[in-house]
Amino acid sequence: MDVKPPASAAPDPGAAPGSTPGPAAGAVTGQASETPAGAAPAPGSGGAIREQLRLLTLNQQRFERYLSRRLQVDQAGLAVMDHLVHAGPTTPTDLARRLDASTAATTLVIDRLAAGGHVTRQPHPTDRRKVIIIPAAHWEATAYEHVAPLVQGVTATAEALSPGEQATVAAFLQRIVDAYDGAIRT
């Protein structure tokens, strides 16, 4: 999907022609970067932070594509598996609701995951009309093999900060999450 900033948004002079800011840049400030490529952002402008958030977003997307290839699961399947690992087995309807997808689309994703041996459907323990989706026994360990270097890197980086720095970074990141939540609600 090609999303372009409104005509009133300041263009990024350092951006490639026809390119648009990454999700983090636009979501955090509502406009593209004002700093030319190679130039230091003005103090207090937030340009350096916006750029790092943009790069973080791009790297997260790259990592998700890498993980999808390694685990042989498409992006939608990866979202379902992430939910199942973190929240536990659940019904297809609950998965659809939590992932903000239609039940038909979620069923197709579950069908692909089941065909690939990533999940199984089992009878619901209390309602015979329903099934629950359960990740394959090997899934979490296999996924963690690929995610472990990232988890370890983030952990080491956070632990290298003083308690005060950790509190500042955590508060900042919470504000960024709130900015995304606010943008989604509008």
C-alpha atoms as a PDB file:
ATOM      1  CA  MET A   1       0.000   0.000   0.000  1.00  0.00           C
ATOM      2  CA  ASP A   2       1.461   3.360  -1.002  1.00  0.00           C
ATOM      3  CA  VAL A   3       0.588   6.039   1.531  1.00  0.00           C
ATOM      4  CA  LYS A   4       1.518   9.597   0.705  1.00  0.00           C
ATOM      5  CA  PRO A   5       1.686  12.494   3.139  1.00  0.00           C
ATOM      6  CA  PRO A   6      -0.805  15.306   2.645  1.00  0.00           C
ATOM      7  CA  ALA A   7       0.299  18.102   0.344  1.00  0.00           C
ATOM      8  CA  SER A   8       0.626  20.356   3.383  1.00  0.00           C
ATOM      9  CA  ALA A   9       3.253  18.079   4.988  1.00  0.00           C
ATOM     10  CA  ALA A  10       6.806  19.308   4.640  1.00  0.00           C
ATOM     11  CA  PRO A  11       8.709  17.139   2.163  1.00  0.00           C
ATOM     12  CA  ASP A  12      11.899  15.393   3.226  1.00  0.00           C
ATOM     13  CA  PRO A  13      14.646  16.920   1.079  1.00  0.00           C
ATOM     14  CA  GLY A  14      16.884  13.910   1.758  1.00  0.00           C
ATOM     15  CA  ALA A  15      14.304  11.333   0.723  1.00  0.00           C
ATOM     16  CA  ALA A  16      14.356   9.558  -2.588  1.00  0.00           C
ATOM     17  CA  PRO A  17      11.969  11.050  -5.148  1.00  0.00           C
ATOM     18  CA  GLY A  18       8.474   9.678  -4.683  1.00  0.00           C
ATOM     19  CA  SER A  19       9.241   8.088  -1.312  1.00  0.00           C
ATOM     20  CA  THR A  20       7.235   8.643   1.821  1.00  0.00           C
ATOM     21  CA  PRO A  21       8.188   8.686   5.474  1.00  0.00           C
ATOM     22  CA  GLY A  22       8.031   5.396   7.383  1.00  0.00           C
ATOM     23  CA  PRO A  23       5.140   4.740   9.750  1.00  0.00           C
ATOM     24  CA  ALA A  24       7.059   5.872  12.823  1.00  0.00           C
ATOM     25  CA  ALA A  25       8.057   9.198  11.338  1.00  0.00           C
ATOM     26  CA  GLY A  26       4.565  10.136  10.246  1.00  0.00           C
ATOM     27  CA  ALA A  27       2.842   8.746  13.326  1.00  0.00           C
ATOM     28  CA  VAL A  28       5.112  10.538  15.765  1.00  0.00           C
ATOM     29  CA  THR A  29       5.048  13.990  14.208  1.00  0.00           C
ATOM     30  CA  GLY A  30       2.415  14.013  11.511  1.00  0.00           C
ATOM     31  CA  GLN A  31       4.958  15.136   8.951  1.00  0.00           C
ATOM     32  CA  ALA A  32       8.052  14.007   7.137  1.00  0.00           C
ATOM     33  CA  SER A  33      11.561  14.760   8.349  1.00  0.00           C
ATOM     34  CA  GLU A  34      12.709  18.324   7.781  1.00  0.00           C
ATOM     35  CA  THR A  35      16.415  17.445   7.896  1.00  0.00           C
ATOM     36  CA  PRO A  36      18.359  16.961   4.640  1.00  0.00           C
ATOM     37  CA  ALA A  37      20.330  13.728   4.323  1.00  0.00           C
ATOM     38  CA  GLY A  38      23.676  13.976   6.095  1.00  0.00           C
ATOM     39  CA  ALA A  39      22.722  17.105   8.038  1.00  0.00           C
ATOM     40  CA  ALA A  40      22.325  17.055  11.807  1.00  0.00           C
ATOM     41  CA  PRO A  41      18.790  17.814  12.973  1.00  0.00           C
ATOM     42  CA  ALA A  42      18.283  21.051  14.839  1.00  0.00           C
ATOM     43  CA  PRO A  43      18.595  20.619  18.611  1.00  0.00           C
ATOM     44  CA  GLY A  44      15.204  20.052  20.180  1.00  0.00           C
ATOM     45  CA  SER A  45      13.533  19.374  16.822  1.00  0.00           C
ATOM     46  CA  GLY A  46      13.096  15.659  17.478  1.00  0.00           C
ATOM     47  CA  GLY A  47      14.471  14.900  14.013  1.00  0.00           C
ATOM     48  CA  ALA A  48      17.118  12.480  15.259  1.00  0.00           C
ATOM     49  CA  ILE A  49      14.540  10.631  17.365  1.00  0.00           C
ATOM     50  CA  ARG A  50      12.061  10.503  14.480  1.00  0.00           C
ATOM     51  CA  GLU A  51      14.792   9.102  12.234  1.00  0.00           C
ATOM     52  CA  GLN A  52      15.719   6.412  14.763  1.00  0.00           C
ATOM     53  CA  LEU A  53      12.052   5.469  15.165  1.00  0.00           C
ATOM     54  CA  ARG A  54      11.717   5.269  11.380  1.00  0.00           C
ATOM     55  CA  LEU A  55      14.772   3.012  11.197  1.00  0.00           C
ATOM     56  CA  LEU A  56      13.473   0.904  14.075  1.00  0.00           C
ATOM     57  CA  THR A  57      10.162   0.445  12.251  1.00  0.00           C
ATOM     58  CA  LEU A  58      11.923  -0.544   9.033  1.00  0.00           C
ATOM     59  CA  ASN A  59      14.168  -3.008  10.862  1.00  0.00           C
ATOM     60  CA  GLN A  60      11.185  -4.510  12.664  1.00  0.00           C
ATOM     61  CA  GLN A  61       9.470  -5.042   9.305  1.00  0.00           C
ATOM     62  CA  ARG A  62      12.649  -6.598   7.863  1.00  0.00           C
ATOM     63  CA  PHE A  63      12.955  -8.880  10.884  1.00  0.00           C
ATOM     64  CA  GLU A  64       9.332 -10.015  10.526  1.00  0.00           C
ATOM     65  CA  ARG A  65       9.940 -10.856   6.845  1.00  0.00           C
ATOM     66  CA  TYR A  66      13.103 -12.762   7.839  1.00  0.00           C
ATOM     67  CA  LEU A  67      11.225 -14.664  10.542  1.00  0.00           C
ATOM     68  CA  SER A  68       8.385 -15.464   8.130  1.00  0.00           C
ATOM     69  CA  ARG A  69      10.851 -16.962   5.657  1.00  0.00           C
ATOM     70  CA  ARG A  70      12.711 -18.949   8.329  1.00  0.00           C
ATOM     71  CA  LEU A  71       9.546 -20.347   9.872  1.00  0.00           C
ATOM     72  CA  GLN A  72       7.823 -20.785   6.489  1.00  0.00           C
ATOM     73  CA  VAL A  73       4.778 -18.810   7.599  1.00  0.00           C
ATOM     74  CA  ASP A  74       3.287 -15.756   5.884  1.00  0.00           C
ATOM     75  CA  GLN A  75       2.869 -12.429   7.706  1.00  0.00           C
ATOM     76  CA  ALA A  76      -0.745 -13.123   8.685  1.00  0.00           C
ATOM     77  CA  GLY A  77       0.239 -16.560   9.978  1.00  0.00           C
ATOM     78  CA  LEU A  78       3.069 -15.023  11.959  1.00  0.00           C
ATOM     79  CA  ALA A  79       0.590 -12.662  13.666  1.00  0.00           C
ATOM     80  CA  VAL A  80      -1.668 -15.602  14.551  1.00  0.00           C
ATOM     81  CA  MET A  81       1.255 -17.641  15.893  1.00  0.00           C
ATOM     82  CA  ASP A  82       2.529 -14.703  17.933  1.00  0.00           C
ATOM     83  CA  HIS A  83      -0.899 -14.346  19.513  1.00  0.00           C
ATOM     84  CA  LEU A  84      -1.194 -18.068  20.234  1.00  0.00           C
ATOM     85  CA  VAL A  85       2.250 -18.207  21.857  1.00  0.00           C
ATOM     86  CA  HIS A  86       1.610 -15.157  24.045  1.00  0.00           C
ATOM     87  CA  ALA A  87      -2.090 -15.560  24.859  1.00  0.00           C
ATOM     88  CA  GLY A  88      -2.465 -19.330  24.582  1.00  0.00           C
ATOM     89  CA  PRO A  89      -4.841 -21.530  22.601  1.00  0.00           C
ATOM     90  CA  THR A  90      -8.074 -19.884  21.568  1.00  0.00           C
ATOM     91  CA  THR A  91     -11.005 -20.134  19.170  1.00  0.00           C
ATOM     92  CA  PRO A  92     -10.863 -18.916  15.576  1.00  0.00           C
ATOM     93  CA  THR A  93     -13.512 -16.287  16.376  1.00  0.00           C
ATOM     94  CA  ASP A  94     -11.467 -14.944  19.272  1.00  0.00           C
ATOM     95  CA  LEU A  95      -8.346 -14.866  17.080  1.00  0.00           C
ATOM     96  CA  ALA A  96     -10.210 -12.902  14.415  1.00  0.00           C
ATOM     97  CA  ARG A  97     -11.488 -10.404  16.955  1.00  0.00           C
ATOM     98  CA  ARG A  98      -8.101  -9.933  18.634  1.00  0.00           C
ATOM     99  CA  LEU A  99      -6.304  -9.530  15.302  1.00  0.00           C
ATOM    100  CA  ASP A 100      -9.008  -7.241  13.877  1.00  0.00           C
ATOM    101  CA  ALA A 101      -9.622  -9.560  10.934  1.00  0.00           C
ATOM    102  CA  SER A 102     -12.674 -11.243   9.490  1.00  0.00           C
ATOM    103  CA  THR A 103     -13.464 -14.770  10.591  1.00  0.00           C
ATOM    104  CA  ALA A 104     -13.267 -15.911   6.959  1.00  0.00           C
ATOM    105  CA  ALA A 105      -9.759 -14.472   6.525  1.00  0.00           C
ATOM    106  CA  THR A 106      -8.668 -15.895   9.869  1.00  0.00           C
ATOM    107  CA  THR A 107     -10.001 -19.330   8.892  1.00  0.00           C
ATOM    108  CA  LEU A 108      -7.902 -19.238   5.711  1.00  0.00           C
ATOM    109  CA  VAL A 109      -4.795 -18.356   7.737  1.00  0.00           C
ATOM    110  CA  ILE A 110      -5.531 -21.162  10.211  1.00  0.00           C
ATOM    111  CA  ASP A 111      -6.023 -23.593   7.307  1.00  0.00           C
ATOM    112  CA  ARG A 112      -2.564 -22.691   5.928  1.00  0.00           C
ATOM    113  CA  LEU A 113      -0.980 -22.992   9.391  1.00  0.00           C
ATOM    114  CA  ALA A 114      -2.629 -26.392   9.950  1.00  0.00           C
ATOM    115  CA  ALA A 115      -1.511 -27.646   6.526  1.00  0.00           C
ATOM    116  CA  GLY A 116       2.050 -26.597   7.383  1.00  0.00           C
ATOM    117  CA  GLY A 117       1.971 -28.397  10.722  1.00  0.00           C
ATOM    118  CA  HIS A 118       2.176 -25.161  12.736  1.00  0.00           C
ATOM    119  CA  VAL A 119      -1.182 -25.521  14.538  1.00  0.00           C
ATOM    120  CA  THR A 120      -3.822 -28.106  15.293  1.00  0.00           C
ATOM    121  CA  ARG A 121      -7.548 -27.781  15.787  1.00  0.00           C
ATOM    122  CA  GLN A 122      -8.876 -29.539  18.860  1.00  0.00           C
ATOM    123  CA  PRO A 123     -12.345 -29.733  20.378  1.00  0.00           C
ATOM    124  CA  HIS A 124     -13.125 -26.937  22.794  1.00  0.00           C
ATOM    125  CA  PRO A 125     -12.971 -28.307  26.355  1.00  0.00           C
ATOM    126  CA  THR A 126     -16.380 -26.937  27.399  1.00  0.00           C
ATOM    127  CA  ASP A 127     -18.335 -26.209  24.186  1.00  0.00           C
ATOM    128  CA  ARG A 128     -18.748 -29.064  21.688  1.00  0.00           C
ATOM    129  CA  ARG A 129     -19.711 -26.624  18.922  1.00  0.00           C
ATOM    130  CA  LYS A 130     -16.311 -24.912  18.998  1.00  0.00           C
ATOM    131  CA  VAL A 131     -12.695 -25.760  18.310  1.00  0.00           C
ATOM    132  CA  ILE A 132      -9.560 -24.225  19.745  1.00  0.00           C
ATOM    133  CA  ILE A 133      -6.386 -23.531  17.848  1.00  0.00           C
ATOM    134  CA  ILE A 134      -3.217 -24.808  19.490  1.00  0.00           C
ATOM    135  CA  PRO A 135       0.340 -24.101  18.325  1.00  0.00           C
ATOM    136  CA  ALA A 136       2.422 -27.167  17.448  1.00  0.00           C
ATOM    137  CA  ALA A 137       4.607 -28.370  20.316  1.00  0.00           C
ATOM    138  CA  HIS A 138       7.804 -27.411  18.492  1.00  0.00           C
ATOM    139  CA  TRP A 139       6.650 -23.954  17.436  1.00  0.00           C
ATOM    140  CA  GLU A 140       7.734 -21.801  20.365  1.00  0.00           C
ATOM    141  CA  ALA A 141      11.200 -23.380  20.633  1.00  0.00           C
ATOM    142  CA  THR A 142      11.774 -23.157  16.886  1.00  0.00           C
ATOM    143  CA  ALA A 143      10.666 -19.529  16.743  1.00  0.00           C
ATOM    144  CA  TYR A 144      12.782 -18.646  19.767  1.00  0.00           C
ATOM    145  CA  GLU A 145      15.917 -19.932  18.018  1.00  0.00           C
ATOM    146  CA  HIS A 146      15.497 -17.133  15.497  1.00  0.00           C
ATOM    147  CA  VAL A 147      14.248 -14.489  17.936  1.00  0.00           C
ATOM    148  CA  ALA A 148      16.804 -15.162  20.706  1.00  0.00           C
ATOM    149  CA  PRO A 149      19.603 -12.975  19.265  1.00  0.00           C
ATOM    150  CA  LEU A 150      17.226 -10.009  19.069  1.00  0.00           C
ATOM    151  CA  VAL A 151      15.851 -10.600  22.574  1.00  0.00           C
ATOM    152  CA  GLN A 152      19.365 -10.932  23.961  1.00  0.00           C
ATOM    153  CA  GLY A 153      20.529  -7.780  22.170  1.00  0.00           C
ATOM    154  CA  VAL A 154      17.609  -5.704  23.429  1.00  0.00           C
ATOM    155  CA  THR A 155      18.040  -7.082  26.956  1.00  0.00           C
ATOM    156  CA  ALA A 156      21.768  -6.305  27.006  1.00  0.00           C
ATOM    157  CA  THR A 157      21.151  -2.801  25.687  1.00  0.00           C
ATOM    158  CA  ALA A 158      18.491  -2.112  28.327  1.00  0.00           C
ATOM    159  CA  GLU A 159      20.605  -3.560  31.135  1.00  0.00           C
ATOM    160  CA  ALA A 160      23.508  -1.291  30.142  1.00  0.00           C
ATOM    161  CA  LEU A 161      21.358   1.742  31.010  1.00  0.00           C
ATOM    162  CA  SER A 162      21.192   3.182  34.496  1.00  0.00           C
ATOM    163  CA  PRO A 163      17.854   2.806  36.321  1.00  0.00           C
ATOM    164  CA  GLY A 164      17.120   6.483  35.606  1.00  0.00           C
ATOM    165  CA  GLU A 165      17.883   6.065  31.904  1.00  0.00           C
ATOM    166  CA  GLN A 166      15.699   2.959  31.783  1.00  0.00           C
ATOM    167  CA  ALA A 167      12.825   4.895  33.354  1.00  0.00           C
ATOM    168  CA  THR A 168      13.261   7.740  30.844  1.00  0.00           C
ATOM    169  CA  VAL A 169      13.368   5.385  27.844  1.00  0.00           C
ATOM    170  CA  ALA A 170      10.377   3.397  29.122  1.00  0.00           C
ATOM    171  CA  ALA A 171       8.357   6.600  29.623  1.00  0.00           C
ATOM    172  CA  PHE A 172       9.311   7.847  26.147  1.00  0.00           C
ATOM    173  CA  LEU A 173       8.354   4.551  24.508  1.00  0.00           C
ATOM    174  CA  GLN A 174       5.030   4.570  26.357  1.00  0.00           C
ATOM    175  CA  ARG A 175       4.320   8.020  24.901  1.00  0.00           C
ATOM    176  CA  ILE A 176       5.118   6.684  21.410  1.00  0.00           C
ATOM    177  CA  VAL A 177       2.723   3.763  21.975  1.00  0.00           C
ATOM    178  CA  ASP A 178       0.113   6.289  23.136  1.00  0.00           C
ATOM    179  CA  ALA A 179       0.717   8.350  19.971  1.00  0.00           C
ATOM    180  CA  TYR A 180       0.047   5.288  17.827  1.00  0.00           C
ATOM    181  CA  ASP A 181      -3.059   4.448  19.861  1.00  0.00           C
ATOM    182  CA  GLY A 182      -4.280   8.031  19.470  1.00  0.00           C
ATOM    183  CA  ALA A 183      -3.720   7.949  15.713  1.00  0.00           C
ATOM    184  CA  ILE A 184      -5.627   4.683  15.389  1.00  0.00           C
ATOM    185  CA  ARG A 185      -8.605   6.018  17.362  1.00  0.00           C
ATOM    186  CA  THR A 186      -9.018   9.061  15.108  1.00  0.00           C
END
